[in-house]
Amino acid sequence: MYTFGQYVADEKKEAEARGEARGEARGKKEVLLAFIKKVWGDAEAERMVPFLNAAELDDLPDISDLVDDQTAGRPPRLGANGRAEPRS
């Protein structure tokens, strides 16, 4: 039988997992933003903030993707399609 105590324990585990994922995404976004600021400057970093905030962890570029953008002389892009919608 599935008890209320088991339910509470399961919910706690799921909440912790969600919190870890949010923390990982926040950390990656901060690193990406710092890299963008260093390479493209403050204005581009500020322009990217809403896009980074709207992106899911899987949609965030890797540093190697940003280096490719820099090498190609283009602005930083997000995700597979190079775009993300800013959070309203």
N, C-alpha and C. Protein backbone atom coordinates (compact mmCIF):
# COMPACT_ATOMS: atom_id res chain seq x y z
N MET A 1 0.84 -1.17 0.00
CA MET A 1 0.00 0.00 0.00
C MET A 1 0.90 1.25 0.00
N TYR A 2 0.52 2.21 -0.81
CA TYR A 2 1.22 3.49 -0.91
C TYR A 2 0.69 4.41 0.17
N THR A 3 1.55 4.83 1.08
CA THR A 3 1.10 5.62 2.23
C THR A 3 1.32 7.11 1.98
N PHE A 4 0.69 7.90 2.81
CA PHE A 4 0.87 9.35 2.74
C PHE A 4 2.33 9.71 3.00
N GLY A 5 2.98 9.01 3.90
CA GLY A 5 4.39 9.26 4.19
C GLY A 5 5.26 9.01 2.97
N GLN A 6 4.96 7.96 2.21
CA GLN A 6 5.70 7.68 0.98
C GLN A 6 5.46 8.79 -0.04
N TYR A 7 4.21 9.24 -0.11
CA TYR A 7 3.87 10.33 -1.03
C TYR A 7 4.67 11.58 -0.70
N VAL A 8 4.73 11.94 0.57
CA VAL A 8 5.47 13.12 1.01
C VAL A 8 6.96 12.95 0.68
N ALA A 9 7.50 11.77 0.93
CA ALA A 9 8.91 11.52 0.62
C ALA A 9 9.17 11.63 -0.88
N ASP A 10 8.26 11.08 -1.70
CA ASP A 10 8.40 11.17 -3.16
C ASP A 10 8.33 12.61 -3.64
N GLU A 11 7.40 13.38 -3.10
CA GLU A 11 7.27 14.78 -3.47
C GLU A 11 8.52 15.56 -3.09
N LYS A 12 9.10 15.26 -1.93
CA LYS A 12 10.31 15.94 -1.49
C LYS A 12 11.47 15.64 -2.43
N LYS A 13 11.60 14.36 -2.85
CA LYS A 13 12.66 13.99 -3.79
C LYS A 13 12.49 14.71 -5.12
N GLU A 14 11.26 14.79 -5.61
CA GLU A 14 11.00 15.46 -6.89
C GLU A 14 11.30 16.96 -6.78
N ALA A 15 10.93 17.57 -5.67
CA ALA A 15 11.20 19.00 -5.47
C ALA A 15 12.70 19.26 -5.42
N GLU A 16 13.44 18.39 -4.77
CA GLU A 16 14.89 18.54 -4.71
C GLU A 16 15.50 18.41 -6.11
N ALA A 17 15.00 17.46 -6.89
CA ALA A 17 15.50 17.27 -8.25
C ALA A 17 15.21 18.51 -9.11
N ARG A 18 14.01 19.07 -8.96
CA ARG A 18 13.67 20.29 -9.70
C ARG A 18 14.57 21.44 -9.28
N GLY A 19 14.84 21.54 -8.00
CA GLY A 19 15.71 22.60 -7.48
C GLY A 19 17.13 22.46 -8.00
N GLU A 20 17.63 21.23 -8.07
CA GLU A 20 18.97 21.01 -8.60
C GLU A 20 19.03 21.39 -10.07
N ALA A 21 18.00 21.06 -10.83
CA ALA A 21 17.98 21.40 -12.26
C ALA A 21 17.94 22.91 -12.44
N ARG A 22 17.15 23.60 -11.62
CA ARG A 22 17.09 25.06 -11.70
C ARG A 22 18.45 25.66 -11.34
N GLY A 23 19.09 25.10 -10.33
CA GLY A 23 20.41 25.59 -9.93
C GLY A 23 21.44 25.37 -11.02
N GLU A 24 21.39 24.21 -11.67
CA GLU A 24 22.32 23.93 -12.76
C GLU A 24 22.09 24.89 -13.92
N ALA A 25 20.83 25.13 -14.26
CA ALA A 25 20.51 26.05 -15.35
C ALA A 25 20.97 27.46 -15.01
N ARG A 26 20.72 27.89 -13.78
CA ARG A 26 21.13 29.24 -13.36
C ARG A 26 22.65 29.38 -13.45
N GLY A 27 23.37 28.37 -12.99
CA GLY A 27 24.83 28.41 -13.04
C GLY A 27 25.35 28.46 -14.46
N LYS A 28 24.76 27.65 -15.34
CA LYS A 28 25.21 27.65 -16.74
C LYS A 28 24.89 28.99 -17.40
N LYS A 29 23.73 29.55 -17.09
CA LYS A 29 23.37 30.85 -17.66
C LYS A 29 24.34 31.93 -17.21
N GLU A 30 24.75 31.89 -15.95
CA GLU A 30 25.70 32.88 -15.44
C GLU A 30 27.05 32.77 -16.14
N VAL A 31 27.51 31.53 -16.37
CA VAL A 31 28.78 31.32 -17.06
C VAL A 31 28.68 31.80 -18.50
N LEU A 32 27.59 31.46 -19.18
CA LEU A 32 27.41 31.89 -20.56
C LEU A 32 27.35 33.40 -20.66
N LEU A 33 26.63 34.02 -19.75
CA LEU A 33 26.51 35.48 -19.77
C LEU A 33 27.87 36.14 -19.54
N ALA A 34 28.65 35.59 -18.62
CA ALA A 34 29.99 36.14 -18.37
C ALA A 34 30.86 36.00 -19.62
N PHE A 35 30.76 34.88 -20.31
CA PHE A 35 31.53 34.68 -21.53
C PHE A 35 31.09 35.65 -22.62
N ILE A 36 29.78 35.79 -22.79
CA ILE A 36 29.25 36.72 -23.79
C ILE A 36 29.72 38.14 -23.49
N LYS A 37 29.68 38.51 -22.22
CA LYS A 37 30.12 39.86 -21.82
C LYS A 37 31.60 40.06 -22.16
N LYS A 38 32.42 39.07 -21.90
CA LYS A 38 33.85 39.16 -22.14
C LYS A 38 34.16 39.25 -23.64
N VAL A 39 33.43 38.48 -24.46
CA VAL A 39 33.73 38.41 -25.88
C VAL A 39 33.03 39.51 -26.67
N TRP A 40 31.73 39.72 -26.42
CA TRP A 40 30.95 40.65 -27.23
C TRP A 40 30.69 41.99 -26.54
N GLY A 41 30.94 42.06 -25.24
CA GLY A 41 30.76 43.31 -24.52
C GLY A 41 29.47 43.39 -23.72
N ASP A 42 29.37 44.45 -22.94
CA ASP A 42 28.25 44.64 -22.02
C ASP A 42 26.91 44.77 -22.74
N ALA A 43 26.89 45.49 -23.84
CA ALA A 43 25.62 45.72 -24.55
C ALA A 43 25.03 44.41 -25.07
N GLU A 44 25.87 43.58 -25.64
CA GLU A 44 25.38 42.29 -26.16
C GLU A 44 24.95 41.38 -25.02
N ALA A 45 25.69 41.42 -23.91
CA ALA A 45 25.32 40.61 -22.75
C ALA A 45 23.94 41.04 -22.22
N GLU A 46 23.72 42.35 -22.13
CA GLU A 46 22.42 42.85 -21.67
C GLU A 46 21.30 42.45 -22.63
N ARG A 47 21.59 42.48 -23.92
CA ARG A 47 20.59 42.08 -24.92
C ARG A 47 20.24 40.60 -24.78
N MET A 48 21.21 39.79 -24.36
CA MET A 48 21.01 38.34 -24.28
C MET A 48 20.30 37.89 -23.00
N VAL A 49 20.28 38.74 -21.97
CA VAL A 49 19.70 38.34 -20.68
C VAL A 49 18.28 37.78 -20.82
N PRO A 50 17.34 38.47 -21.50
CA PRO A 50 15.99 37.91 -21.58
C PRO A 50 15.94 36.59 -22.36
N PHE A 51 16.82 36.44 -23.33
CA PHE A 51 16.86 35.19 -24.11
C PHE A 51 17.39 34.05 -23.25
N LEU A 52 18.43 34.31 -22.49
CA LEU A 52 18.97 33.29 -21.59
C LEU A 52 17.96 32.92 -20.52
N ASN A 53 17.25 33.91 -19.99
CA ASN A 53 16.25 33.64 -18.96
C ASN A 53 15.10 32.78 -19.49
N ALA A 54 14.77 32.95 -20.78
CA ALA A 54 13.67 32.21 -21.38
C ALA A 54 14.06 30.81 -21.80
N ALA A 55 15.35 30.57 -21.98
CA ALA A 55 15.81 29.29 -22.51
C ALA A 55 15.78 28.20 -21.45
N GLU A 56 15.43 27.01 -21.89
CA GLU A 56 15.52 25.82 -21.04
C GLU A 56 16.98 25.36 -21.03
N LEU A 57 17.34 24.55 -20.06
CA LEU A 57 18.71 24.08 -19.93
C LEU A 57 19.19 23.41 -21.21
N ASP A 58 18.35 22.60 -21.83
CA ASP A 58 18.73 21.89 -23.05
C ASP A 58 18.91 22.83 -24.24
N ASP A 59 18.32 24.02 -24.18
CA ASP A 59 18.41 24.98 -25.28
C ASP A 59 19.61 25.91 -25.17
N LEU A 60 20.30 25.86 -24.05
CA LEU A 60 21.45 26.75 -23.87
C LEU A 60 22.63 26.26 -24.69
N PRO A 61 23.36 27.19 -25.29
CA PRO A 61 24.53 26.78 -26.08
C PRO A 61 25.67 26.35 -25.17
N ASP A 62 26.59 25.60 -25.72
CA ASP A 62 27.83 25.30 -25.02
C ASP A 62 28.81 26.41 -25.33
N ILE A 63 29.85 26.51 -24.52
CA ILE A 63 30.88 27.50 -24.78
C ILE A 63 31.45 27.29 -26.18
N SER A 64 31.59 26.03 -26.60
CA SER A 64 32.14 25.76 -27.93
C SER A 64 31.24 26.34 -29.03
N ASP A 65 29.92 26.34 -28.81
CA ASP A 65 29.00 26.96 -29.77
C ASP A 65 29.24 28.47 -29.85
N LEU A 66 29.45 29.08 -28.69
CA LEU A 66 29.70 30.52 -28.66
C LEU A 66 31.04 30.87 -29.29
N VAL A 67 32.04 30.00 -29.09
CA VAL A 67 33.33 30.22 -29.73
C VAL A 67 33.17 30.14 -31.24
N ASP A 68 32.35 29.18 -31.71
CA ASP A 68 32.07 29.07 -33.15
C ASP A 68 31.42 30.36 -33.67
N ASP A 69 30.48 30.90 -32.89
CA ASP A 69 29.83 32.16 -33.28
C ASP A 69 30.85 33.29 -33.36
N GLN A 70 31.72 33.36 -32.36
CA GLN A 70 32.75 34.41 -32.34
C GLN A 70 33.67 34.26 -33.55
N THR A 71 34.12 33.04 -33.82
CA THR A 71 35.03 32.77 -34.93
C THR A 71 34.39 33.16 -36.26
N ALA A 72 33.09 32.91 -36.37
CA ALA A 72 32.37 33.22 -37.61
C ALA A 72 32.01 34.70 -37.70
N GLY A 73 32.26 35.45 -36.63
CA GLY A 73 31.97 36.88 -36.64
C GLY A 73 30.49 37.21 -36.51
N ARG A 74 29.75 36.32 -35.89
CA ARG A 74 28.32 36.57 -35.71
C ARG A 74 28.00 36.73 -34.22
N PRO A 75 26.84 37.30 -33.91
CA PRO A 75 26.45 37.44 -32.50
C PRO A 75 26.15 36.08 -31.88
N PRO A 76 26.15 35.99 -30.57
CA PRO A 76 25.87 34.71 -29.90
C PRO A 76 24.46 34.22 -30.22
N ARG A 77 24.33 32.91 -30.37
CA ARG A 77 23.03 32.31 -30.67
C ARG A 77 22.68 31.29 -29.60
N LEU A 78 21.40 30.98 -29.49
CA LEU A 78 20.91 30.01 -28.52
C LEU A 78 20.29 28.82 -29.23
N GLY A 79 20.46 27.65 -28.65
CA GLY A 79 19.75 26.46 -29.08
C GLY A 79 20.06 26.01 -30.49
N ALA A 80 19.40 24.93 -30.88
CA ALA A 80 19.63 24.32 -32.18
C ALA A 80 19.25 25.26 -33.33
N ASN A 81 18.19 26.05 -33.12
CA ASN A 81 17.76 26.94 -34.19
C ASN A 81 18.37 28.34 -34.05
N GLY A 82 19.20 28.51 -33.02
CA GLY A 82 19.86 29.79 -32.85
C GLY A 82 19.00 30.88 -32.25
N ARG A 83 17.80 30.52 -31.78
CA ARG A 83 16.90 31.53 -31.23
C ARG A 83 16.18 31.00 -29.99
N ALA A 84 15.76 31.91 -29.17
CA ALA A 84 14.86 31.63 -28.06
C ALA A 84 14.03 32.87 -27.85
N GLU A 85 12.82 32.71 -27.42
CA GLU A 85 11.96 33.85 -27.18
C GLU A 85 12.20 34.39 -25.78
N PRO A 86 12.35 35.70 -25.62
CA PRO A 86 12.51 36.25 -24.27
C PRO A 86 11.26 36.03 -23.43
N ARG A 87 11.49 35.85 -22.16
CA ARG A 87 10.38 35.67 -21.22
C ARG A 87 9.63 36.98 -21.09
N SER A 88 8.31 36.93 -21.13
CA SER A 88 7.49 38.15 -21.02
C SER A 88 7.45 38.64 -19.61
